[in-house]
């Protein structure tokens, strides 16, 4: 089952890459505003990459590849900058891209959707074939533990409500 998640995430990344290459000329066009280019990214490329991401179990290497992909698209959108000191053109650094994009990065979106999916799983009835406390197979480097304190609190809260019977699934 673990290898299935691994294949799914990279199949989506390959599809997103193909999608990116199909709109690459639009993203580097000077005729379109940066706002419109970001809309193209969010409505055409990002949904292809994130399809089914609520069930992914990412390791750091996969997260890095997703961030590299997103930064490549954002660099195409925002273009190079002229260095104030030397006057030479340079690529934007990752921090500058994050400031300009001003939206959660792709890994944060995936973790958010995974939490959303965990809530759906917690509310499912047993007759639908889901065990409420089984959140998937863990493997070395798995990032379910990366949910942080807030994520663990939310999962505990969902689990407690499910056990008490507050939600009816």
C-alpha atoms as a PDB file:
ATOM      1  CA  UNK A   1       0.000   0.000   0.000  1.00  0.00           C
ATOM      2  CA  UNK A   2       2.864   2.375   0.776  1.00  0.00           C
ATOM      3  CA  UNK A   3       4.311   2.065  -2.728  1.00  0.00           C
ATOM      4  CA  UNK A   4       0.873   2.993  -4.125  1.00  0.00           C
ATOM      5  CA  UNK A   5       1.015   6.385  -2.395  1.00  0.00           C
ATOM      6  CA  UNK A   6       4.553   6.919  -3.671  1.00  0.00           C
ATOM      7  CA  UNK A   7       3.527   6.207  -7.280  1.00  0.00           C
ATOM      8  CA  UNK A   8       0.403   8.356  -7.072  1.00  0.00           C
ATOM      9  CA  UNK A   9       2.225  11.465  -5.889  1.00  0.00           C
ATOM     10  CA  UNK A  10       4.857  11.252  -8.621  1.00  0.00           C
ATOM     11  CA  UNK A  11       2.336  10.415 -11.322  1.00  0.00           C
ATOM     12  CA  UNK A  12       0.559  13.619 -10.324  1.00  0.00           C
ATOM     13  CA  UNK A  13       3.832  15.518 -10.409  1.00  0.00           C
ATOM     14  CA  UNK A  14       4.563  14.216 -13.904  1.00  0.00           C
ATOM     15  CA  UNK A  15       1.073  15.237 -15.035  1.00  0.00           C
ATOM     16  CA  UNK A  16       1.537  18.643 -13.439  1.00  0.00           C
ATOM     17  CA  UNK A  17       4.868  18.986 -15.203  1.00  0.00           C
ATOM     18  CA  UNK A  18       3.216  18.232 -18.548  1.00  0.00           C
ATOM     19  CA  UNK A  19       0.503  20.761 -17.722  1.00  0.00           C
ATOM     20  CA  UNK A  20       3.146  23.337 -16.799  1.00  0.00           C
ATOM     21  CA  UNK A  21       4.959  22.836 -20.087  1.00  0.00           C
ATOM     22  CA  UNK A  22       1.715  23.290 -22.010  1.00  0.00           C
ATOM     23  CA  UNK A  23       1.129  26.763 -20.477  1.00  0.00           C
ATOM     24  CA  UNK A  24       4.788  27.721 -20.104  1.00  0.00           C
ATOM     25  CA  UNK A  25       4.572  30.390 -22.822  1.00  0.00           C
ATOM     26  CA  UNK A  26       1.606  32.024 -21.087  1.00  0.00           C
ATOM     27  CA  UNK A  27       3.444  32.133 -17.774  1.00  0.00           C
ATOM     28  CA  UNK A  28       6.441  33.914 -19.292  1.00  0.00           C
ATOM     29  CA  UNK A  29       4.415  36.288 -21.472  1.00  0.00           C
ATOM     30  CA  UNK A  30       4.811  39.990 -20.816  1.00  0.00           C
ATOM     31  CA  UNK A  31       1.268  40.602 -22.058  1.00  0.00           C
ATOM     32  CA  UNK A  32      -0.363  38.900 -19.066  1.00  0.00           C
ATOM     33  CA  UNK A  33      -0.350  40.325 -15.568  1.00  0.00           C
ATOM     34  CA  UNK A  34       1.274  38.431 -12.719  1.00  0.00           C
ATOM     35  CA  UNK A  35      -2.142  38.190 -11.069  1.00  0.00           C
ATOM     36  CA  UNK A  36      -3.548  36.390 -14.127  1.00  0.00           C
ATOM     37  CA  UNK A  37      -0.505  34.105 -14.296  1.00  0.00           C
ATOM     38  CA  UNK A  38      -1.038  33.119 -10.663  1.00  0.00           C
ATOM     39  CA  UNK A  39      -4.682  32.360 -11.468  1.00  0.00           C
ATOM     40  CA  UNK A  40      -3.529  30.123 -14.329  1.00  0.00           C
ATOM     41  CA  UNK A  41      -1.203  28.320 -11.923  1.00  0.00           C
ATOM     42  CA  UNK A  42      -3.908  27.881  -9.264  1.00  0.00           C
ATOM     43  CA  UNK A  43      -6.676  26.791 -11.642  1.00  0.00           C
ATOM     44  CA  UNK A  44      -4.844  24.749 -14.277  1.00  0.00           C
ATOM     45  CA  UNK A  45      -1.571  23.398 -12.876  1.00  0.00           C
ATOM     46  CA  UNK A  46      -2.118  23.062  -9.122  1.00  0.00           C
ATOM     47  CA  UNK A  47      -5.311  20.941  -9.273  1.00  0.00           C
ATOM     48  CA  UNK A  48      -3.552  18.456 -11.554  1.00  0.00           C
ATOM     49  CA  UNK A  49      -0.617  18.117  -9.163  1.00  0.00           C
ATOM     50  CA  UNK A  50      -2.760  17.965  -6.013  1.00  0.00           C
ATOM     51  CA  UNK A  51      -5.349  15.480  -7.268  1.00  0.00           C
ATOM     52  CA  UNK A  52      -5.856  12.949  -4.468  1.00  0.00           C
ATOM     53  CA  UNK A  53      -3.186  14.512  -2.241  1.00  0.00           C
ATOM     54  CA  UNK A  54      -5.308  14.049   0.885  1.00  0.00           C
ATOM     55  CA  UNK A  55      -4.320  10.384   0.918  1.00  0.00           C
ATOM     56  CA  UNK A  56      -0.611  10.831   0.185  1.00  0.00           C
ATOM     57  CA  UNK A  57       2.017   9.899   2.675  1.00  0.00           C
ATOM     58  CA  UNK A  58       4.997  12.090   1.824  1.00  0.00           C
ATOM     59  CA  UNK A  59       8.610  11.734   2.816  1.00  0.00           C
ATOM     60  CA  UNK A  60      11.053  14.657   2.840  1.00  0.00           C
ATOM     61  CA  UNK A  61      12.455  13.811  -0.592  1.00  0.00           C
ATOM     62  CA  UNK A  62       8.971  13.989  -2.114  1.00  0.00           C
ATOM     63  CA  UNK A  63       8.213  17.245  -0.308  1.00  0.00           C
ATOM     64  CA  UNK A  64      11.431  18.705  -1.684  1.00  0.00           C
ATOM     65  CA  UNK A  65      10.530  17.675  -5.252  1.00  0.00           C
ATOM     66  CA  UNK A  66       7.110  19.289  -4.893  1.00  0.00           C
ATOM     67  CA  UNK A  67       8.667  22.509  -3.555  1.00  0.00           C
ATOM     68  CA  UNK A  68      11.208  22.542  -6.392  1.00  0.00           C
ATOM     69  CA  UNK A  69       8.365  22.142  -8.891  1.00  0.00           C
ATOM     70  CA  UNK A  70       6.380  24.984  -7.339  1.00  0.00           C
ATOM     71  CA  UNK A  71       9.412  27.273  -7.205  1.00  0.00           C
ATOM     72  CA  UNK A  72      10.161  26.583 -10.874  1.00  0.00           C
ATOM     73  CA  UNK A  73       6.611  27.605 -11.827  1.00  0.00           C
ATOM     74  CA  UNK A  74       6.764  30.710  -9.611  1.00  0.00           C
ATOM     75  CA  UNK A  75      10.126  31.727 -11.085  1.00  0.00           C
ATOM     76  CA  UNK A  76       8.551  31.505 -14.536  1.00  0.00           C
ATOM     77  CA  UNK A  77       5.641  33.674 -13.368  1.00  0.00           C
ATOM     78  CA  UNK A  78       7.626  36.367 -11.543  1.00  0.00           C
ATOM     79  CA  UNK A  79      10.657  36.324 -13.839  1.00  0.00           C
ATOM     80  CA  UNK A  80      14.179  37.487 -13.024  1.00  0.00           C
ATOM     81  CA  UNK A  81      15.026  40.580 -10.978  1.00  0.00           C
ATOM     82  CA  UNK A  82      17.731  43.135 -11.568  1.00  0.00           C
ATOM     83  CA  UNK A  83      20.237  43.194  -8.723  1.00  0.00           C
ATOM     84  CA  UNK A  84      20.233  46.649  -7.091  1.00  0.00           C
ATOM     85  CA  UNK A  85      23.976  46.629  -6.413  1.00  0.00           C
ATOM     86  CA  UNK A  86      25.492  45.133  -9.559  1.00  0.00           C
ATOM     87  CA  UNK A  87      22.668  45.858 -11.997  1.00  0.00           C
ATOM     88  CA  UNK A  88      22.800  42.284 -13.312  1.00  0.00           C
ATOM     89  CA  UNK A  89      19.769  40.057 -13.792  1.00  0.00           C
ATOM     90  CA  UNK A  90      19.395  37.243 -11.286  1.00  0.00           C
ATOM     91  CA  UNK A  91      16.941  34.509 -10.376  1.00  0.00           C
ATOM     92  CA  UNK A  92      14.652  35.093  -7.431  1.00  0.00           C
ATOM     93  CA  UNK A  93      15.567  33.273  -4.239  1.00  0.00           C
ATOM     94  CA  UNK A  94      13.064  30.966  -2.539  1.00  0.00           C
ATOM     95  CA  UNK A  95      12.298  33.477   0.242  1.00  0.00           C
ATOM     96  CA  UNK A  96      11.554  36.184  -2.320  1.00  0.00           C
ATOM     97  CA  UNK A  97       9.233  33.802  -4.193  1.00  0.00           C
ATOM     98  CA  UNK A  98       7.367  32.991  -0.976  1.00  0.00           C
ATOM     99  CA  UNK A  99       6.920  36.702  -0.237  1.00  0.00           C
ATOM    100  CA  UNK A 100       5.682  37.461  -3.749  1.00  0.00           C
ATOM    101  CA  UNK A 101       3.312  34.473  -3.939  1.00  0.00           C
ATOM    102  CA  UNK A 102       1.792  35.166  -0.504  1.00  0.00           C
ATOM    103  CA  UNK A 103      -0.130  31.883  -0.412  1.00  0.00           C
ATOM    104  CA  UNK A 104       0.631  28.660   1.444  1.00  0.00           C
ATOM    105  CA  UNK A 105       3.278  26.575  -0.283  1.00  0.00           C
ATOM    106  CA  UNK A 106       2.326  23.308  -1.966  1.00  0.00           C
ATOM    107  CA  UNK A 107       3.462  21.131   0.944  1.00  0.00           C
ATOM    108  CA  UNK A 108       1.357  23.144   3.415  1.00  0.00           C
ATOM    109  CA  UNK A 109      -1.672  22.747   1.104  1.00  0.00           C
ATOM    110  CA  UNK A 110      -1.118  18.981   0.980  1.00  0.00           C
ATOM    111  CA  UNK A 111      -0.892  18.752   4.777  1.00  0.00           C
ATOM    112  CA  UNK A 112      -4.053  20.814   5.107  1.00  0.00           C
ATOM    113  CA  UNK A 113      -5.930  18.570   2.692  1.00  0.00           C
ATOM    114  CA  UNK A 114      -4.603  15.511   4.496  1.00  0.00           C
ATOM    115  CA  UNK A 115      -6.084  16.834   7.739  1.00  0.00           C
ATOM    116  CA  UNK A 116      -9.371  17.434   5.930  1.00  0.00           C
ATOM    117  CA  UNK A 117      -9.288  13.863   4.626  1.00  0.00           C
ATOM    118  CA  UNK A 118      -8.502  12.551   8.119  1.00  0.00           C
ATOM    119  CA  UNK A 119     -11.680  14.242   9.345  1.00  0.00           C
ATOM    120  CA  UNK A 120     -13.693  12.514   6.624  1.00  0.00           C
ATOM    121  CA  UNK A 121     -12.145   9.159   7.502  1.00  0.00           C
ATOM    122  CA  UNK A 122     -12.879   9.669  11.195  1.00  0.00           C
ATOM    123  CA  UNK A 123     -16.557  10.294  10.433  1.00  0.00           C
ATOM    124  CA  UNK A 124     -17.023   7.305   8.143  1.00  0.00           C
ATOM    125  CA  UNK A 125     -19.170   4.470   9.403  1.00  0.00           C
ATOM    126  CA  UNK A 126     -17.657   1.056   9.956  1.00  0.00           C
ATOM    127  CA  UNK A 127     -20.099  -0.486   7.457  1.00  0.00           C
ATOM    128  CA  UNK A 128     -18.465   1.617   4.757  1.00  0.00           C
ATOM    129  CA  UNK A 129     -15.286  -0.371   5.260  1.00  0.00           C
ATOM    130  CA  UNK A 130     -13.153   2.091   7.178  1.00  0.00           C
ATOM    131  CA  UNK A 131     -11.593   1.703  10.572  1.00  0.00           C
ATOM    132  CA  UNK A 132     -11.574   5.089  12.290  1.00  0.00           C
ATOM    133  CA  UNK A 133      -8.223   4.737  14.017  1.00  0.00           C
ATOM    134  CA  UNK A 134      -6.274   3.397  11.006  1.00  0.00           C
ATOM    135  CA  UNK A 135      -4.558   6.328   9.278  1.00  0.00           C
ATOM    136  CA  UNK A 136      -2.524   4.242   6.816  1.00  0.00           C
ATOM    137  CA  UNK A 137       0.753   2.382   6.889  1.00  0.00           C
ATOM    138  CA  UNK A 138       3.695   4.195   8.387  1.00  0.00           C
ATOM    139  CA  UNK A 139       7.118   3.977   6.836  1.00  0.00           C
ATOM    140  CA  UNK A 140      10.491   5.460   7.623  1.00  0.00           C
ATOM    141  CA  UNK A 141      10.432   9.212   7.077  1.00  0.00           C
ATOM    142  CA  UNK A 142       6.635   9.325   6.930  1.00  0.00           C
ATOM    143  CA  UNK A 143       5.266  12.746   7.771  1.00  0.00           C
ATOM    144  CA  UNK A 144       2.046  11.902   9.573  1.00  0.00           C
ATOM    145  CA  UNK A 145       4.004  12.853  12.650  1.00  0.00           C
ATOM    146  CA  UNK A 146       4.744  16.158  10.930  1.00  0.00           C
ATOM    147  CA  UNK A 147       1.223  17.346  11.562  1.00  0.00           C
ATOM    148  CA  UNK A 148       2.630  19.219  14.515  1.00  0.00           C
ATOM    149  CA  UNK A 149       0.942  19.930  17.788  1.00  0.00           C
ATOM    150  CA  UNK A 150      -2.136  21.456  16.144  1.00  0.00           C
ATOM    151  CA  UNK A 151      -2.597  18.485  13.817  1.00  0.00           C
ATOM    152  CA  UNK A 152      -2.313  15.995  16.655  1.00  0.00           C
ATOM    153  CA  UNK A 153      -4.789  17.999  18.737  1.00  0.00           C
ATOM    154  CA  UNK A 154      -7.233  18.083  15.826  1.00  0.00           C
ATOM    155  CA  UNK A 155      -6.894  14.341  15.178  1.00  0.00           C
ATOM    156  CA  UNK A 156      -7.383  13.651  18.888  1.00  0.00           C
ATOM    157  CA  UNK A 157     -10.440  15.917  18.937  1.00  0.00           C
ATOM    158  CA  UNK A 158     -11.936  14.181  15.877  1.00  0.00           C
ATOM    159  CA  UNK A 159     -11.244  10.752  17.341  1.00  0.00           C
ATOM    160  CA  UNK A 160     -12.784  11.693  20.703  1.00  0.00           C
ATOM    161  CA  UNK A 161     -15.936  13.067  19.075  1.00  0.00           C
ATOM    162  CA  UNK A 162     -16.227   9.961  16.939  1.00  0.00           C
ATOM    163  CA  UNK A 163     -15.946   7.660  19.972  1.00  0.00           C
ATOM    164  CA  UNK A 164     -18.562   9.657  21.888  1.00  0.00           C
ATOM    165  CA  UNK A 165     -20.938   9.515  18.921  1.00  0.00           C
ATOM    166  CA  UNK A 166     -21.333  13.266  18.365  1.00  0.00           C
ATOM    167  CA  UNK A 167     -20.829  12.839  14.620  1.00  0.00           C
ATOM    168  CA  UNK A 168     -23.061  10.399  12.804  1.00  0.00           C
ATOM    169  CA  UNK A 169     -20.843   9.833   9.746  1.00  0.00           C
END
